[in-house]
C-alpha cells in the first residue's frame, strides 16, 4: 500500500512538472524552459498544419492565424521601421531569411499546439523535424508521451507576437511575446489540472533559428524562456 502511495505521489509530481513544462515550454537551457499550446484534442499529425482552428495565432498579424503562408504575407505587406518584424536596416536578402526564420518558429509553435492537443497520435516526430532541429525533438516527444500516459491533453490557443532581433548569415535570433492565458490542460474526465499560477500573463520567449546548409531550410535549434519569467 505504501508503495502504491509513493507511486501515486511520484506520478503526481511528474504530472505537475509536465503540465508546467507544456505551459511554460521546454528549453535546451538548464535555467529555463519553453513550448506552446493547442486548440482541439482531435487534431492529428496529418491535419495539424492545415487546420486553421489548430493553428497558433500570431498577434502581430491582425485577424489571422500564423500559418506559414499568412505569416509571410503579413510581413511582406507591412510598413517600414517598427512595423516590420525585423530591424529596418535589413537588406532584402536578410528580410527573406528573417521571414523564413519566423515561419519556422511559428510552424514549430503550431505543431507543438497540435501535438499537445492530441499527444497519443503517432508520427509527431516527422512533423516536428520540419521546424525543429532533429537533435532537439526528444524532449518534446517525451512530454507528449507523459501526457498520453496520464490521459491529459491541452486545449486553448497560444498567441505569439514574434520578431527577429539580430542575424548572421546562418542564424536568426527571435524574440516572441507568448500568451497562454487561454490554454488549459485537461485530464480524461475533462477536469483542469493546470496550475493557476502558470500562464497568468504574456511572457517573453526567445528562439535561435539556424539555416541547415544541407536542406536549405531554417529550423529552430533552441527555445528559451528566461528564468525568472520576463513579462511582455
Protein backbone atom coordinates (compact mmCIF):
# COMPACT_ATOMS: atom_id res chain seq x y z
CA UNK A 1 0.00 0.00 0.00
CA UNK A 2 2.84 2.32 0.88
CA UNK A 3 4.43 1.50 -2.47
CA UNK A 4 1.20 2.41 -4.29
CA UNK A 5 1.03 5.67 -2.37
CA UNK A 6 4.60 6.51 -3.25
CA UNK A 7 3.93 5.65 -6.89
CA UNK A 8 0.91 7.94 -6.96
CA UNK A 9 2.87 10.71 -5.30
CA UNK A 10 5.70 10.42 -7.80
CA UNK A 11 3.20 10.35 -10.66
CA UNK A 12 1.53 13.48 -9.33
CA UNK A 13 4.87 15.25 -9.24
CA UNK A 14 5.67 14.10 -12.78
CA UNK A 15 2.28 15.32 -13.99
CA UNK A 16 2.77 18.70 -12.33
CA UNK A 17 6.19 19.08 -13.91
CA UNK A 18 4.83 18.02 -17.30
CA UNK A 19 1.94 20.50 -17.15
CA UNK A 20 4.33 23.26 -16.15
CA UNK A 21 6.70 22.40 -18.98
CA UNK A 22 3.94 22.34 -21.56
CA UNK A 23 2.59 25.73 -20.48
CA UNK A 24 5.94 27.42 -19.95
CA UNK A 25 7.72 25.41 -22.60
CA UNK A 26 10.65 23.07 -22.63
CA UNK A 27 14.08 24.51 -23.24
CA UNK A 28 17.56 23.37 -24.06
CA UNK A 29 18.80 25.77 -21.41
CA UNK A 30 19.07 24.32 -17.86
CA UNK A 31 17.88 27.60 -16.34
CA UNK A 32 14.75 27.94 -18.44
CA UNK A 33 12.03 26.19 -20.39
CA UNK A 34 9.64 26.61 -23.35
CA UNK A 35 6.71 25.28 -25.50
CA UNK A 36 3.25 26.05 -26.94
CA UNK A 37 -0.48 25.22 -26.85
CA UNK A 38 -3.24 23.54 -28.87
CA UNK A 39 -6.90 24.08 -29.69
CA UNK A 40 -8.63 20.72 -30.03
CA UNK A 41 -7.97 17.19 -28.90
CA UNK A 42 -8.98 15.67 -32.23
CA UNK A 43 -6.11 17.20 -34.21
CA UNK A 44 -3.85 14.60 -35.83
CA UNK A 45 -0.39 14.92 -37.42
CA UNK A 46 -1.86 14.74 -40.91
CA UNK A 47 -4.20 17.69 -40.31
CA UNK A 48 -2.36 19.74 -37.71
CA UNK A 49 -0.62 22.03 -40.15
CA UNK A 50 -3.59 22.59 -42.44
CA UNK A 51 -6.32 23.25 -39.91
CA UNK A 52 -6.83 26.98 -39.10
CA UNK A 53 -8.61 26.02 -35.87
CA UNK A 54 -5.50 24.17 -34.73
CA UNK A 55 -3.08 26.98 -35.51
CA UNK A 56 -1.15 29.22 -33.19
CA UNK A 57 -2.21 32.80 -33.77
CA UNK A 58 0.40 35.48 -34.34
CA UNK A 59 -0.95 38.64 -32.74
CA UNK A 60 1.40 40.79 -34.78
CA UNK A 61 -0.73 39.80 -37.78
CA UNK A 62 -4.21 41.30 -37.18
CA UNK A 63 -7.03 38.86 -37.73
CA UNK A 64 -5.16 35.79 -38.93
CA UNK A 65 -3.56 32.53 -37.85
CA UNK A 66 0.20 32.16 -38.12
CA UNK A 67 0.27 29.53 -40.83
CA UNK A 68 3.45 29.98 -42.83
CA UNK A 69 1.62 31.48 -45.81
CA UNK A 70 -0.34 34.08 -43.83
CA UNK A 71 2.70 34.96 -41.74
CA UNK A 72 4.71 35.57 -44.89
CA UNK A 73 2.02 37.75 -46.43
CA UNK A 74 1.66 39.82 -43.27
CA UNK A 75 5.35 40.62 -43.07
CA UNK A 76 5.77 41.36 -46.75
CA UNK A 77 2.88 43.81 -46.75
CA UNK A 78 3.85 45.60 -43.55
CA UNK A 79 5.24 49.11 -43.49
CA UNK A 80 8.81 50.04 -42.66
CA UNK A 81 10.73 50.53 -39.44
CA UNK A 82 8.92 49.46 -36.26
CA UNK A 83 6.07 47.86 -38.22
CA UNK A 84 8.39 45.23 -39.65
CA UNK A 85 9.22 42.14 -37.66
CA UNK A 86 12.95 42.58 -38.21
CA UNK A 87 15.37 45.55 -37.98
CA UNK A 88 14.63 48.29 -40.52
CA UNK A 89 18.19 48.20 -41.88
CA UNK A 90 17.98 44.57 -43.04
CA UNK A 91 18.89 44.05 -46.68
CA UNK A 92 16.35 42.36 -48.99
CA UNK A 93 18.20 39.06 -48.62
CA UNK A 94 18.20 39.39 -44.83
CA UNK A 95 14.48 40.13 -44.88
CA UNK A 96 13.80 36.94 -46.83
CA UNK A 97 15.91 34.95 -44.37
CA UNK A 98 14.23 36.62 -41.40
CA UNK A 99 10.80 35.72 -42.73
CA UNK A 100 11.89 32.12 -43.22
CA UNK A 101 13.12 32.03 -39.62
CA UNK A 102 9.83 33.47 -38.34
CA UNK A 103 7.93 30.91 -40.39
CA UNK A 104 9.98 28.12 -38.84
CA UNK A 105 9.31 29.42 -35.32
CA UNK A 106 5.57 29.83 -35.98
CA UNK A 107 5.46 26.39 -37.60
CA UNK A 108 7.07 24.82 -34.55
CA UNK A 109 4.66 26.54 -32.18
CA UNK A 110 1.73 25.44 -34.32
CA UNK A 111 2.97 21.84 -34.40
CA UNK A 112 3.50 21.77 -30.64
CA UNK A 113 -0.03 23.11 -30.20
CA UNK A 114 -1.42 20.23 -32.21
CA UNK A 115 0.81 17.62 -30.59
CA UNK A 116 -0.18 18.52 -27.04
CA UNK A 117 -3.83 18.60 -28.09
CA UNK A 118 -3.53 15.00 -29.26
CA UNK A 119 -0.41 13.59 -27.59
CA UNK A 120 -1.28 9.95 -28.21
CA UNK A 121 -1.27 10.32 -32.00
CA UNK A 122 1.67 8.70 -33.82
CA UNK A 123 4.26 10.26 -36.13
CA UNK A 124 4.74 13.60 -34.37
CA UNK A 125 8.49 13.25 -34.84
CA UNK A 126 8.16 13.71 -38.60
CA UNK A 127 6.11 16.87 -38.12
CA UNK A 128 8.47 18.32 -35.52
CA UNK A 129 11.56 17.91 -37.67
CA UNK A 130 10.02 20.14 -40.33
CA UNK A 131 10.60 23.08 -37.99
CA UNK A 132 12.85 21.81 -35.18
CA UNK A 133 16.45 20.61 -35.27
CA UNK A 134 16.47 16.80 -35.16
CA UNK A 135 18.61 16.67 -32.01
CA UNK A 136 16.01 18.70 -30.10
CA UNK A 137 12.88 16.64 -30.76
CA UNK A 138 13.19 14.06 -27.98
CA UNK A 139 12.39 16.43 -25.12
CA UNK A 140 9.09 17.49 -26.71
CA UNK A 141 8.13 13.94 -27.65
CA UNK A 142 8.85 12.89 -24.06
CA UNK A 143 6.39 15.47 -22.73
CA UNK A 144 3.76 14.30 -25.22
CA UNK A 145 4.30 10.70 -24.13
CA UNK A 146 3.90 11.67 -20.48
CA UNK A 147 0.66 13.47 -21.27
CA UNK A 148 -0.64 10.49 -23.25
CA UNK A 149 0.25 8.16 -20.38
CA UNK A 150 -1.66 10.35 -17.95
CA UNK A 151 -4.62 10.76 -20.32
CA UNK A 152 -4.22 14.52 -20.36
CA UNK A 153 -4.36 16.88 -23.29
CA UNK A 154 -4.12 20.57 -23.92
CA UNK A 155 -6.93 22.87 -25.06
CA UNK A 156 -6.93 26.56 -25.84
CA UNK A 157 -4.70 28.61 -28.07
CA UNK A 158 -1.38 30.33 -27.56
CA UNK A 159 -0.90 33.77 -29.06
CA UNK A 160 2.52 34.86 -30.27
CA UNK A 161 3.97 38.21 -31.29
CA UNK A 162 7.39 37.44 -32.74
CA UNK A 163 10.21 39.34 -34.43
CA UNK A 164 13.82 38.84 -35.45
CA UNK A 165 16.21 40.92 -33.36
CA UNK A 166 19.58 40.04 -34.87
CA UNK A 167 21.04 37.93 -37.63
CA UNK A 168 24.15 36.39 -39.12
CA UNK A 169 24.42 34.54 -42.43
CA UNK A 170 23.03 31.31 -40.98
CA UNK A 171 21.48 32.25 -37.62
CA UNK A 172 18.47 34.35 -36.61
CA UNK A 173 17.60 35.38 -33.07
CA UNK A 174 13.85 35.57 -32.49
CA UNK A 175 12.02 37.17 -29.59
CA UNK A 176 8.36 36.35 -29.05
CA UNK A 177 5.74 37.52 -26.61
CA UNK A 178 3.73 34.37 -25.90
CA UNK A 179 0.30 34.46 -24.29
CA UNK A 180 -1.03 31.16 -22.92
CA UNK A 181 -3.81 32.57 -20.74
CA UNK A 182 -6.44 30.78 -22.83
CA UNK A 183 -4.59 27.47 -22.56
CA UNK A 184 -5.66 24.69 -20.21
CA UNK A 185 -4.62 21.09 -19.51
CA UNK A 186 -7.47 18.64 -19.01
CA UNK A 187 -7.49 15.10 -17.65
CA UNK A 188 -9.55 12.22 -19.06
CA UNK A 189 -12.65 13.50 -17.24
CA UNK A 190 -12.29 16.99 -18.65
CA UNK A 191 -11.11 18.42 -15.34
CA UNK A 192 -8.39 21.06 -15.44
CA UNK A 193 -5.03 20.06 -13.97
CA UNK A 194 -3.36 23.36 -14.81
CA UNK A 195 -1.56 25.19 -12.04
CA UNK A 196 -3.48 28.51 -11.67
CA UNK A 197 -0.14 30.28 -11.20
CA UNK A 198 1.03 29.31 -14.71
CA UNK A 199 0.29 31.26 -17.87
CA UNK A 200 -1.27 34.18 -15.98
CA UNK A 201 0.28 36.84 -18.24
CA UNK A 202 2.16 37.06 -21.55
CA UNK A 203 5.82 36.12 -21.22
CA UNK A 204 8.94 36.52 -23.31
CA UNK A 205 10.31 33.54 -25.21
CA UNK A 206 13.49 33.54 -27.27
CA UNK A 207 14.49 31.24 -30.09
CA UNK A 208 17.61 30.55 -32.11
CA UNK A 209 16.78 29.59 -35.68
CA UNK A 210 19.51 28.21 -37.92
CA UNK A 211 19.88 27.54 -41.62
CA UNK A 212 20.57 23.91 -42.45
CA UNK A 213 23.20 24.05 -45.22
CA UNK A 214 22.23 20.58 -46.40
CA UNK A 215 18.50 21.16 -46.88
CA UNK A 216 18.42 24.93 -47.16
CA UNK A 217 15.66 25.03 -44.53
CA UNK A 218 15.54 27.14 -41.39
CA UNK A 219 14.84 25.17 -38.21
CA UNK A 220 14.64 26.10 -34.53
CA UNK A 221 17.71 24.92 -32.65
CA UNK A 222 16.85 26.36 -29.24
CA UNK A 223 13.87 27.70 -27.31
CA UNK A 224 14.46 29.63 -24.12
CA UNK A 225 12.09 31.12 -21.56
CA UNK A 226 14.06 33.47 -19.31
CA UNK A 227 14.21 32.45 -15.66
CA UNK A 228 12.83 34.35 -13.85
CA UNK A 229 9.95 34.95 -16.24
CA UNK A 230 10.04 38.21 -18.17
CA UNK A 231 6.60 39.67 -18.83
CA UNK A 232 5.86 41.41 -22.11
